[in-house]
Amino acid sequence: MRLVRGLTNLPEAAVPCALTIGNFDGVHRGHLEILRLLVDAAGQRGLSTSLMVFEPQPMEYFLQDKAPSRLYRFSEKLRVLETLKLDSVVAMEFGHHLAQMKAEDFIAHILVKRMNVKYLLIGDDFRFGHDRAGDFEMLKSASRQHGFELHSIDSVLESERRISSTAIRELLHQGEIKAASALLGRPYAMCGRVIHGKKLGRHIGWPTINIPVRRRNSPVAGIYAVHVSGIEDDRVLDGVASVGTRPTVDGEGWLLEVHLFDWSGSCYGRRVDVEFVRHLRNEQKFENIDVMTLQIERDAAQARKVLSA
C-alpha cells in the first residue's frame, strides 16, 4: 500500500482507479465492508484501488477542540489499512482551500483530473464541498458527464443499529468496551511510544509506562483493565491503566499511564499497543497522594480479577 500525502505527490498521469472517500475513523466493520466491495469491483474492472482520507478530519478543522474525539490517530488508522488489499491511500490536507472548494470543482479537478476515478463507491451519507453542497445526486449527474461509475452502500447494521464511528465513540464514552469492540471488529486499543513521565508512580510504589494520547480529546477516560503488547516480542502483559488529565497531581493534557503486573524494566521509546478490556471507574481527584495510592491498590486488584477471568 502506497501512502500519498496530498495531491502534489500524485503522479500527473494517475492510473485509472476505483475510489472511496471518507474519514474512516476506526476502520470499523462498516468501513471494512466498503473496502471489500471496492477491492472486488476494482478486480472485476482491472482498476487500482484508492482510499481518500482527510487530515485533519473536517470536523476537527471546523470545530477545533469541540470536535468529536478520534477513535484512531492517523498512524493507528494506517496500521489497519496496511493489512487490506489497497493500492494507495491519499491523505488530503483539509484546510481553507479544500473547505472553500465548490463541490463541482472537487469532482472535476480532484476526482476526475487528478485521481482519474473510473469507479466511485461512497457511503449513503456522504457530503462534500463548500457548505456540504455535494451529495449523491450531484455525483450521479457528474458520473454521466465525466464517464465514471457511481455506486453507494447502505449502512451496515448490527442488531438494527447502524455501525458508525459515532456509535462506537458513544459506547466507549459509556465504558461499554466489549460492545464498542464488537462494532469495530477488533479489540479497541491505543498505540504509541513510551515516554518519560514525572516518575511519581515509581515513588509511590506503582511505576507506570506513559504513552501520550495525542488527540484533542480522548474517546476513553478513566481506569481500565488492559492487555499490553510490544514490550516483549512474544508476550502480552496484563495491567491497569489510567487515561485522563491527572487532576490529583495537576496534570496537563491527556496521558495514558499503565502499571504492568509482574514486569519490571525499561521500555522508553518502544511502540506499544494498549488493548482496553474493561472500564473499572471514572477518573477522579483525590484529597492527597495517600488516598490516591489506596485507590490504585483497589484498582489493580480489580483489574487482576477481571483479566484472570
Protein backbone atom coordinates (compact mmCIF):
# COMPACT_ATOMS: atom_id res chain seq x y z
CA MET A 1 0.00 0.00 0.00
CA ARG A 2 1.35 3.40 -1.01
CA LEU A 3 0.68 6.48 1.12
CA VAL A 4 0.27 9.68 -0.88
CA ARG A 5 0.31 12.87 1.17
CA GLY A 6 -1.63 15.46 -0.82
CA LEU A 7 -2.41 15.91 -4.49
CA THR A 8 1.01 17.42 -5.21
CA ASN A 9 2.52 13.99 -4.65
CA LEU A 10 0.17 12.25 -7.07
CA PRO A 11 1.66 11.42 -10.45
CA GLU A 12 0.46 13.69 -13.25
CA ALA A 13 -0.92 10.72 -15.17
CA ALA A 14 -2.68 8.75 -12.44
CA VAL A 15 -3.71 5.22 -13.33
CA PRO A 16 -7.49 4.64 -13.56
CA CYS A 17 -8.78 3.84 -10.09
CA ALA A 18 -11.68 2.59 -8.04
CA LEU A 19 -12.05 5.09 -5.22
CA THR A 20 -13.86 5.58 -1.95
CA ILE A 21 -13.73 8.66 0.28
CA GLY A 22 -14.21 9.36 3.97
CA ASN A 23 -12.61 9.77 7.38
CA PHE A 24 -12.63 6.02 8.06
CA ASP A 25 -12.06 6.75 11.75
CA GLY A 26 -11.64 3.42 13.49
CA VAL A 27 -11.77 1.45 10.22
CA HIS A 28 -14.77 -0.35 11.71
CA ARG A 29 -16.85 -3.18 10.25
CA GLY A 30 -18.91 -0.79 8.14
CA HIS A 31 -15.71 0.65 6.66
CA LEU A 32 -14.32 -2.84 6.07
CA GLU A 33 -17.42 -3.76 4.06
CA ILE A 34 -16.99 -0.66 1.88
CA LEU A 35 -13.34 -1.54 1.25
CA ARG A 36 -14.19 -5.18 0.50
CA LEU A 37 -16.70 -4.11 -2.13
CA LEU A 38 -14.19 -1.61 -3.55
CA VAL A 39 -11.46 -4.24 -3.92
CA ASP A 40 -13.90 -6.68 -5.56
CA ALA A 41 -15.15 -4.05 -8.02
CA ALA A 42 -11.60 -2.96 -8.89
CA GLY A 43 -10.56 -6.54 -9.56
CA GLN A 44 -13.51 -7.09 -11.90
CA ARG A 45 -12.67 -3.92 -13.85
CA GLY A 46 -8.89 -4.02 -13.84
CA LEU A 47 -8.56 -0.83 -11.78
CA SER A 48 -6.25 0.17 -8.96
CA THR A 49 -7.82 0.75 -5.54
CA SER A 50 -7.58 4.07 -3.70
CA LEU A 51 -8.94 5.45 -0.44
CA MET A 52 -9.07 9.21 0.11
CA VAL A 53 -8.98 10.45 3.70
CA PHE A 54 -8.56 13.91 5.22
CA GLU A 55 -6.03 15.31 7.73
CA PRO A 56 -7.10 16.93 9.90
CA GLN A 57 -10.60 15.49 9.75
CA PRO A 58 -13.10 18.14 8.56
CA MET A 59 -14.90 18.29 11.93
CA GLU A 60 -11.55 18.97 13.62
CA TYR A 61 -10.87 21.81 11.21
CA PHE A 62 -14.25 23.45 11.76
CA LEU A 63 -14.85 22.71 15.47
CA GLN A 64 -11.26 22.60 16.80
CA ASP A 65 -11.30 21.47 20.46
CA LYS A 66 -15.07 20.87 20.33
CA ALA A 67 -14.69 18.23 17.62
CA PRO A 68 -15.62 14.62 18.44
CA SER A 69 -12.76 12.57 19.82
CA ARG A 70 -10.86 10.43 17.36
CA LEU A 71 -11.07 6.69 17.67
CA TYR A 72 -7.71 6.27 15.92
CA ARG A 73 -4.81 8.58 15.28
CA PHE A 74 -3.70 8.72 11.64
CA SER A 75 -0.83 6.29 12.28
CA GLU A 76 -3.21 3.85 14.00
CA LYS A 77 -5.60 4.04 11.06
CA LEU A 78 -2.78 3.33 8.61
CA ARG A 79 -1.70 0.24 10.54
CA VAL A 80 -5.14 -1.31 9.94
CA LEU A 81 -5.36 -0.16 6.32
CA GLU A 82 -1.97 -1.70 5.56
CA THR A 83 -3.46 -5.14 6.27
CA LEU A 84 -6.02 -4.68 3.48
CA LYS A 85 -5.71 -5.03 -0.29
CA LEU A 86 -5.48 -1.34 -1.10
CA ASP A 87 -3.05 0.04 -3.66
CA SER A 88 -2.96 3.56 -2.25
CA VAL A 89 -4.24 5.85 0.49
CA VAL A 90 -4.40 9.52 -0.46
CA ALA A 91 -4.27 11.78 2.61
CA MET A 92 -5.68 15.18 1.65
CA GLU A 93 -4.73 18.16 3.80
CA PHE A 94 -8.01 19.68 4.94
CA GLY A 95 -7.51 23.42 5.24
CA HIS A 96 -9.01 26.66 3.97
CA HIS A 97 -8.53 25.80 0.30
CA LEU A 98 -10.37 22.49 0.48
CA ALA A 99 -13.01 23.82 2.88
CA GLN A 100 -13.92 26.59 0.42
CA MET A 101 -13.76 24.47 -2.75
CA LYS A 102 -17.05 24.15 -4.61
CA ALA A 103 -18.40 20.62 -4.87
CA GLU A 104 -18.35 20.82 -8.68
CA ASP A 105 -14.65 21.76 -8.63
CA PHE A 106 -13.85 18.91 -6.23
CA ILE A 107 -15.39 16.48 -8.72
CA ALA A 108 -13.82 17.93 -11.87
CA HIS A 109 -10.35 18.87 -10.64
CA ILE A 110 -9.64 16.30 -7.94
CA LEU A 111 -11.72 13.18 -8.62
CA VAL A 112 -11.66 13.23 -12.42
CA LYS A 113 -8.48 15.09 -13.41
CA ARG A 114 -6.06 14.16 -10.63
CA MET A 115 -7.41 10.85 -9.30
CA ASN A 116 -8.61 9.55 -12.70
CA VAL A 117 -11.57 7.91 -10.99
CA LYS A 118 -13.48 5.30 -13.02
CA TYR A 119 -15.45 3.71 -10.19
CA LEU A 120 -16.61 5.66 -7.14
CA LEU A 121 -18.11 3.96 -4.08
CA ILE A 122 -19.48 6.12 -1.27
CA GLY A 123 -21.46 5.73 1.92
CA ASP A 124 -25.12 6.68 1.90
CA ASP A 125 -24.46 9.82 3.99
CA PHE A 126 -21.50 11.24 2.05
CA ARG A 127 -21.49 15.04 1.66
CA PHE A 128 -18.67 17.20 0.31
CA GLY A 129 -17.65 20.61 -0.98
CA HIS A 130 -18.21 24.12 0.38
CA ASP A 131 -21.24 24.21 2.71
CA ARG A 132 -21.55 20.42 2.14
CA ALA A 133 -23.37 21.18 -1.10
CA GLY A 134 -22.21 18.00 -2.84
CA ASP A 135 -24.27 14.83 -2.47
CA PHE A 136 -25.12 11.61 -4.27
CA GLU A 137 -27.44 13.31 -6.78
CA MET A 138 -24.69 15.72 -7.82
CA LEU A 139 -22.26 12.84 -8.21
CA LYS A 140 -24.82 10.92 -10.27
CA SER A 141 -25.03 13.78 -12.76
CA ALA A 142 -21.23 14.16 -12.79
CA SER A 143 -20.73 10.44 -13.41
CA ARG A 144 -22.69 10.70 -16.64
CA GLN A 145 -20.80 13.84 -17.66
CA HIS A 146 -17.30 12.53 -16.89
CA GLY A 147 -17.81 8.84 -17.58
CA PHE A 148 -17.26 7.10 -14.25
CA GLU A 149 -19.37 4.53 -12.44
CA LEU A 150 -21.07 5.62 -9.23
CA HIS A 151 -22.27 3.27 -6.51
CA SER A 152 -23.44 3.77 -2.94
CA ILE A 153 -23.55 1.40 0.00
CA ASP A 154 -26.21 1.36 2.67
CA SER A 155 -25.23 1.47 6.31
CA VAL A 156 -24.04 -1.81 7.81
CA LEU A 157 -26.26 -2.75 10.76
CA GLU A 158 -25.64 -4.66 13.98
CA SER A 159 -28.85 -5.68 15.79
CA GLU A 160 -30.69 -2.98 13.80
CA ARG A 161 -28.15 -0.36 14.90
CA ARG A 162 -26.01 1.44 12.33
CA ILE A 163 -22.31 0.66 12.68
CA SER A 164 -20.62 4.05 12.73
CA SER A 165 -17.71 5.87 14.33
CA THR A 166 -20.24 7.93 16.27
CA ALA A 167 -21.93 4.82 17.71
CA ILE A 168 -18.56 3.34 18.71
CA ARG A 169 -17.47 6.63 20.27
CA GLU A 170 -20.67 6.76 22.33
CA LEU A 171 -20.15 3.20 23.59
CA LEU A 172 -16.57 3.97 24.60
CA HIS A 173 -17.69 7.09 26.45
CA GLN A 174 -20.19 4.92 28.34
CA GLY A 175 -17.49 2.41 29.26
CA GLU A 176 -19.03 -0.30 27.05
CA ILE A 177 -15.70 -1.62 25.78
CA LYS A 178 -16.95 -5.04 24.67
CA ALA A 179 -19.84 -3.60 22.65
CA ALA A 180 -17.60 -0.97 21.02
CA SER A 181 -15.03 -3.61 20.09
CA ALA A 182 -17.76 -5.74 18.50
CA LEU A 183 -18.68 -2.87 16.16
CA LEU A 184 -15.03 -2.21 15.39
CA GLY A 185 -14.37 -5.84 14.55
CA ARG A 186 -11.30 -5.90 16.83
CA PRO A 187 -10.49 -5.03 20.45
CA TYR A 188 -10.30 -1.28 20.99
CA ALA A 189 -6.70 -0.22 21.57
CA MET A 190 -4.41 2.79 21.52
CA CYS A 191 -0.81 2.67 20.39
CA GLY A 192 2.14 4.99 20.88
CA ARG A 193 5.72 5.30 22.02
CA VAL A 194 6.59 5.15 25.69
CA ILE A 195 7.87 8.48 27.00
CA HIS A 196 9.47 9.66 30.24
CA GLY A 197 7.00 10.88 32.84
CA LYS A 198 7.32 12.61 36.20
CA LYS A 199 8.21 9.29 37.90
CA LEU A 200 5.52 9.85 40.56
CA GLY A 201 4.19 6.31 40.21
CA ARG A 202 7.63 4.89 40.90
CA HIS A 203 7.95 6.94 44.08
CA ILE A 204 4.63 5.64 45.48
CA GLY A 205 5.30 2.02 44.53
CA TRP A 206 3.22 1.90 41.36
CA PRO A 207 5.55 2.55 38.40
CA THR A 208 3.85 3.21 35.07
CA ILE A 209 4.70 3.38 31.41
CA ASN A 210 3.44 6.62 29.86
CA ILE A 211 2.02 6.98 26.36
CA PRO A 212 0.83 10.38 25.09
CA VAL A 213 -2.73 10.24 23.77
CA ARG A 214 -2.01 12.87 21.07
CA ARG A 215 -5.65 13.72 20.43
CA ARG A 216 -7.61 16.89 21.09
CA ASN A 217 -9.97 14.72 23.14
CA SER A 218 -9.80 11.09 24.17
CA PRO A 219 -12.55 8.60 23.27
CA VAL A 220 -11.85 6.74 26.53
CA ALA A 221 -11.31 8.17 30.00
CA GLY A 222 -10.95 6.62 33.43
CA ILE A 223 -9.41 3.45 34.81
CA TYR A 224 -9.25 0.21 32.80
CA ALA A 225 -8.05 -3.37 32.90
CA VAL A 226 -5.75 -3.73 29.87
CA HIS A 227 -3.53 -6.01 27.83
CA VAL A 228 -0.24 -4.55 26.57
CA SER A 229 1.84 -5.85 23.67
CA GLY A 230 5.04 -4.58 22.11
CA ILE A 231 7.22 -4.52 25.22
CA GLU A 232 8.30 -8.14 24.95
CA ASP A 233 8.14 -9.55 21.43
CA ASP A 234 6.07 -12.67 22.07
CA ARG A 235 4.34 -11.82 25.34
CA VAL A 236 1.14 -9.96 26.14
CA LEU A 237 1.31 -8.28 29.54
CA ASP A 238 -1.60 -7.52 31.86
CA GLY A 239 -2.03 -4.23 33.65
CA VAL A 240 -4.23 -1.47 34.97
CA ALA A 241 -4.38 1.80 33.05
CA SER A 242 -5.47 5.36 33.61
CA VAL A 243 -6.49 7.64 30.76
CA GLY A 244 -7.04 11.25 31.71
CA THR A 245 -5.60 14.56 32.79
CA ARG A 246 -4.41 13.50 36.30
CA PRO A 247 -6.33 16.09 38.38
CA THR A 248 -4.82 14.97 41.70
CA VAL A 249 -1.30 15.95 40.57
CA ASP A 250 -2.33 18.89 38.34
CA GLY A 251 -1.56 17.10 35.12
CA GLU A 252 -1.55 18.86 31.76
CA GLY A 253 -3.04 17.25 28.67
CA TRP A 254 -4.26 13.72 28.08
CA LEU A 255 -1.97 10.87 29.08
CA LEU A 256 -2.29 7.08 29.07
CA GLU A 257 -0.49 5.56 32.07
CA VAL A 258 -0.20 1.79 32.54
CA HIS A 259 1.03 -0.15 35.54
CA LEU A 260 2.14 -3.57 34.32
CA PHE A 261 1.66 -6.61 36.52
CA ASP A 262 4.61 -8.93 37.15
CA TRP A 263 7.02 -6.97 34.96
CA SER A 264 9.82 -4.51 35.54
CA GLY A 265 12.34 -2.91 33.26
CA SER A 266 12.85 -0.03 30.88
CA CYS A 267 10.92 0.33 27.61
CA TYR A 268 11.32 4.02 26.75
CA GLY A 269 10.91 4.63 23.03
CA ARG A 270 9.10 1.34 22.43
CA ARG A 271 5.90 1.41 20.38
CA VAL A 272 3.28 -0.43 22.40
CA ASP A 273 -0.36 -1.36 21.95
CA VAL A 274 -2.71 -0.97 24.90
CA GLU A 275 -5.89 -3.02 24.49
CA PHE A 276 -8.78 -1.93 26.69
CA VAL A 277 -10.57 -4.90 28.27
CA ARG A 278 -12.95 -3.38 30.82
CA HIS A 279 -13.76 0.04 32.26
CA LEU A 280 -13.36 -0.04 36.05
CA ARG A 281 -14.25 3.51 37.13
CA ASN A 282 -14.12 7.15 36.13
CA GLU A 283 -11.14 9.41 36.80
CA GLN A 284 -11.43 11.40 40.00
CA LYS A 285 -9.49 13.94 42.06
CA PHE A 286 -8.29 12.70 45.47
CA GLU A 287 -7.61 14.82 48.53
CA ASN A 288 -4.00 13.64 48.71
CA ILE A 289 -1.48 11.14 47.33
CA ASP A 290 -2.05 8.61 50.14
CA VAL A 291 -5.76 8.34 49.35
CA MET A 292 -4.95 8.03 45.64
CA THR A 293 -2.44 5.25 46.36
CA LEU A 294 -5.03 3.24 48.29
CA GLN A 295 -7.43 3.51 45.37
CA ILE A 296 -4.72 2.40 42.94
CA GLU A 297 -4.29 -0.75 45.03
CA ARG A 298 -8.02 -1.44 44.77
CA ASP A 299 -7.99 -0.77 41.02
CA ALA A 300 -5.06 -3.14 40.48
CA ALA A 301 -6.74 -5.90 42.47
CA GLN A 302 -9.94 -5.48 40.47
CA ALA A 303 -8.05 -5.44 37.17
CA ARG A 304 -6.21 -8.65 38.05
CA LYS A 305 -9.52 -10.31 38.84
CA VAL A 306 -11.06 -9.18 35.54
CA LEU A 307 -8.08 -10.29 33.46
CA SER A 308 -7.70 -13.65 35.18
CA ALA A 309 -11.33 -14.42 34.36
